[in-house]
C-alpha atoms as a PDB file:
ATOM      1  CA  MET A   1     -12.417  44.617  78.229  1.00  0.00           C
ATOM      2  CA  ALA A   2     -12.568  46.807  75.149  1.00  0.00           C
ATOM      3  CA  ILE A   3     -12.444  44.887  71.912  1.00  0.00           C
ATOM      4  CA  THR A   4     -11.041  46.501  68.783  1.00  0.00           C
ATOM      5  CA  ALA A   5     -13.953  47.446  66.560  1.00  0.00           C
ATOM      6  CA  PRO A   6     -14.122  45.767  63.177  1.00  0.00           C
ATOM      7  CA  THR A   7     -13.239  48.011  60.229  1.00  0.00           C
ATOM      8  CA  GLY A   8     -14.838  45.971  57.468  1.00  0.00           C
ATOM      9  CA  SER A   9     -18.055  44.032  57.207  1.00  0.00           C
ATOM     10  CA  ARG A  10     -16.233  40.722  57.637  1.00  0.00           C
ATOM     11  CA  ASP A  11     -13.603  41.843  60.148  1.00  0.00           C
ATOM     12  CA  LEU A  12     -13.830  40.209  63.546  1.00  0.00           C
ATOM     13  CA  PRO A  13     -13.240  42.034  66.853  1.00  0.00           C
ATOM     14  CA  HIS A  14     -10.033  41.267  68.775  1.00  0.00           C
ATOM     15  CA  PRO A  15      -8.644  42.742  71.984  1.00  0.00           C
ATOM     16  CA  ASP A  16      -5.551  44.907  71.577  1.00  0.00           C
ATOM     17  CA  ARG A  17      -2.414  43.451  73.166  1.00  0.00           C
ATOM     18  CA  GLU A  18      -2.624  45.708  76.224  1.00  0.00           C
ATOM     19  CA  GLU A  19      -6.236  44.664  76.818  1.00  0.00           C
ATOM     20  CA  ILE A  20      -5.527  40.922  77.064  1.00  0.00           C
ATOM     21  CA  ARG A  21      -6.087  39.716  80.621  1.00  0.00           C
ATOM     22  CA  LEU A  22      -4.488  36.680  82.222  1.00  0.00           C
ATOM     23  CA  GLU A  23      -7.744  35.389  83.686  1.00  0.00           C
ATOM     24  CA  ASP A  24      -9.416  35.479  80.251  1.00  0.00           C
ATOM     25  CA  VAL A  25      -6.519  33.571  78.682  1.00  0.00           C
ATOM     26  CA  LEU A  26      -6.548  30.952  81.442  1.00  0.00           C
ATOM     27  CA  HIS A  27     -10.335  30.582  81.189  1.00  0.00           C
ATOM     28  CA  ALA A  28     -10.132  30.138  77.421  1.00  0.00           C
ATOM     29  CA  LEU A  29      -7.426  27.479  77.777  1.00  0.00           C
ATOM     30  CA  SER A  30      -9.190  25.647  80.600  1.00  0.00           C
ATOM     31  CA  ASP A  31     -11.508  23.877  78.151  1.00  0.00           C
ATOM     32  CA  PRO A  32      -9.992  20.684  76.673  1.00  0.00           C
ATOM     33  CA  LEU A  33     -11.334  21.351  73.164  1.00  0.00           C
ATOM     34  CA  ARG A  34     -10.027  24.924  73.111  1.00  0.00           C
ATOM     35  CA  LEU A  35      -6.670  23.745  74.430  1.00  0.00           C
ATOM     36  CA  GLN A  36      -6.544  21.164  71.629  1.00  0.00           C
ATOM     37  CA  ILE A  37      -7.249  23.906  69.058  1.00  0.00           C
ATOM     38  CA  VAL A  38      -4.377  25.978  70.484  1.00  0.00           C
ATOM     39  CA  ARG A  39      -2.067  22.939  70.469  1.00  0.00           C
ATOM     40  CA  GLU A  40      -2.839  22.394  66.789  1.00  0.00           C
ATOM     41  CA  LEU A  41      -2.196  26.062  66.003  1.00  0.00           C
ATOM     42  CA  ALA A  42       1.074  25.969  67.949  1.00  0.00           C
ATOM     43  CA  GLY A  43       2.118  23.028  65.778  1.00  0.00           C
ATOM     44  CA  THR A  44       1.949  25.186  62.662  1.00  0.00           C
ATOM     45  CA  GLY A  45       5.005  27.187  63.755  1.00  0.00           C
ATOM     46  CA  GLY A  46       3.239  30.512  63.435  1.00  0.00           C
ATOM     47  CA  GLY A  47       1.067  29.552  60.509  1.00  0.00           C
ATOM     48  CA  GLU A  48      -2.686  29.669  60.127  1.00  0.00           C
ATOM     49  CA  LEU A  49      -5.374  27.025  59.846  1.00  0.00           C
ATOM     50  CA  ALA A  50      -8.898  27.375  58.506  1.00  0.00           C
ATOM     51  CA  CYS A  51     -11.722  26.503  60.865  1.00  0.00           C
ATOM     52  CA  SER A  52     -12.623  23.641  58.520  1.00  0.00           C
ATOM     53  CA  GLN A  53      -9.186  22.046  59.058  1.00  0.00           C
ATOM     54  CA  PHE A  54      -9.925  21.234  62.697  1.00  0.00           C
ATOM     55  CA  VAL A  55     -11.549  17.887  63.433  1.00  0.00           C
ATOM     56  CA  VAL A  56     -13.720  18.467  66.492  1.00  0.00           C
ATOM     57  CA  PRO A  57     -16.384  16.156  67.949  1.00  0.00           C
ATOM     58  CA  VAL A  58     -19.006  18.892  68.423  1.00  0.00           C
ATOM     59  CA  ALA A  59     -21.620  20.731  66.371  1.00  0.00           C
ATOM     60  CA  LYS A  60     -20.522  23.607  64.122  1.00  0.00           C
ATOM     61  CA  SER A  61     -22.278  26.126  66.378  1.00  0.00           C
ATOM     62  CA  THR A  62     -20.339  24.825  69.386  1.00  0.00           C
ATOM     63  CA  THR A  63     -17.084  24.988  67.436  1.00  0.00           C
ATOM     64  CA  THR A  64     -17.868  28.607  66.523  1.00  0.00           C
ATOM     65  CA  HIS A  65     -18.411  29.366  70.212  1.00  0.00           C
ATOM     66  CA  HIS A  66     -15.021  27.874  71.150  1.00  0.00           C
ATOM     67  CA  PHE A  67     -13.207  29.902  68.482  1.00  0.00           C
ATOM     68  CA  ARG A  68     -15.001  33.066  69.651  1.00  0.00           C
ATOM     69  CA  VAL A  69     -13.917  32.476  73.266  1.00  0.00           C
ATOM     70  CA  LEU A  70     -10.299  32.043  72.148  1.00  0.00           C
ATOM     71  CA  ARG A  71     -10.466  35.147  69.936  1.00  0.00           C
ATOM     72  CA  GLU A  72     -12.110  37.374  72.535  1.00  0.00           C
ATOM     73  CA  ALA A  73      -9.561  36.273  75.149  1.00  0.00           C
ATOM     74  CA  GLY A  74      -6.742  37.298  72.809  1.00  0.00           C
ATOM     75  CA  VAL A  75      -5.371  33.786  72.361  1.00  0.00           C
ATOM     76  CA  ILE A  76      -6.011  33.586  68.605  1.00  0.00           C
ATOM     77  CA  ARG A  77      -6.493  35.999  65.729  1.00  0.00           C
ATOM     78  CA  GLN A  78      -9.168  35.217  63.163  1.00  0.00           C
ATOM     79  CA  ILE A  79      -9.307  36.784  59.730  1.00  0.00           C
ATOM     80  CA  TYR A  80     -11.205  36.025  56.563  1.00  0.00           C
ATOM     81  CA  ARG A  81      -9.221  35.041  53.495  1.00  0.00           C
ATOM     82  CA  GLY A  82     -11.803  34.736  50.764  1.00  0.00           C
ATOM     83  CA  THR A  83     -14.529  32.548  52.213  1.00  0.00           C
ATOM     84  CA  ALA A  84     -12.257  30.811  54.733  1.00  0.00           C
ATOM     85  CA  LYS A  85     -11.948  32.017  58.312  1.00  0.00           C
ATOM     86  CA  MET A  86      -8.263  31.616  59.153  1.00  0.00           C
ATOM     87  CA  ASN A  87      -6.955  31.188  62.693  1.00  0.00           C
ATOM     88  CA  GLY A  88      -3.530  32.045  64.016  1.00  0.00           C
ATOM     89  CA  LEU A  89      -2.076  31.856  67.499  1.00  0.00           C
ATOM     90  CA  ARG A  90      -1.219  35.259  69.041  1.00  0.00           C
ATOM     91  CA  LYS A  91       2.017  33.852  70.473  1.00  0.00           C
ATOM     92  CA  ASP A  92       3.980  37.100  70.184  1.00  0.00           C
ATOM     93  CA  ASP A  93       1.316  39.013  72.118  1.00  0.00           C
ATOM     94  CA  LEU A  94       0.960  36.317  74.777  1.00  0.00           C
ATOM     95  CA  ASP A  95       4.727  35.941  75.179  1.00  0.00           C
ATOM     96  CA  ALA A  96       5.158  39.702  75.554  1.00  0.00           C
ATOM     97  CA  LEU A  97       2.474  39.899  78.247  1.00  0.00           C
ATOM     98  CA  PHE A  98       3.025  36.597  80.055  1.00  0.00           C
ATOM     99  CA  PRO A  99       6.550  35.336  79.265  1.00  0.00           C
ATOM    100  CA  GLY A 100       6.769  31.549  79.225  1.00  0.00           C
ATOM    101  CA  LEU A 101       3.092  30.970  80.041  1.00  0.00           C
ATOM    102  CA  LEU A 102       2.000  29.624  76.670  1.00  0.00           C
ATOM    103  CA  ASP A 103       5.063  27.409  76.281  1.00  0.00           C
ATOM    104  CA  ALA A 104       4.567  26.002  79.794  1.00  0.00           C
ATOM    105  CA  LEU A 105       0.877  25.309  79.183  1.00  0.00           C
ATOM    106  CA  LEU A 106       1.557  23.637  75.849  1.00  0.00           C
ATOM    107  CA  ALA A 107       4.364  21.515  77.320  1.00  0.00           C
ATOM    108  CA  GLY A 108       2.083  20.495  80.185  1.00  0.00           C
ATOM    109  CA  ALA A 109      -0.695  19.611  77.744  1.00  0.00           C
ATOM    110  CA  ASP A 110       1.750  17.497  75.721  1.00  0.00           C
ATOM    111  CA  ARG A 111       2.901  15.647  78.869  1.00  0.00           C
ATOM    112  CA  GLN A 112      -0.684  15.059  79.914  1.00  0.00           C
ATOM    113  CA  ALA A 113      -1.648  13.761  76.482  1.00  0.00           C
ATOM    114  CA  ALA A 114       1.313  11.347  76.548  1.00  0.00           C
ATOM    115  CA  ARG A 115       0.445  10.202  80.051  1.00  0.00           C
ATOM    116  CA  LEU A 116      -3.251   9.670  79.355  1.00  0.00           C
ATOM    117  CA  GLY A 117      -2.802   8.269  75.871  1.00  0.00           C
END
């Protein structure tokens, strides 16, 4: 998969919409921590959250890895705003490529969370 080259020193590479692959999206969302990150982003209604706003039970280096997997799969977009790395869900891109997939996965994750407590 070709990843869009960064244009600035702090720009992060992202796949273009047409380069996002279903198997990469499903792999990225198969990890419980990454799915939780996406659920939190979906709860913003299209907004962004800084990496520091997520409470995750892993080391910072592991958290960075999880965000990179989500970004490289095309699930999230990451941009720097000042010193903060902001994260936003690429819902429009995912909905255009795989209609209903993200909503179904998020609804299933919500049902599972309710069932398992």
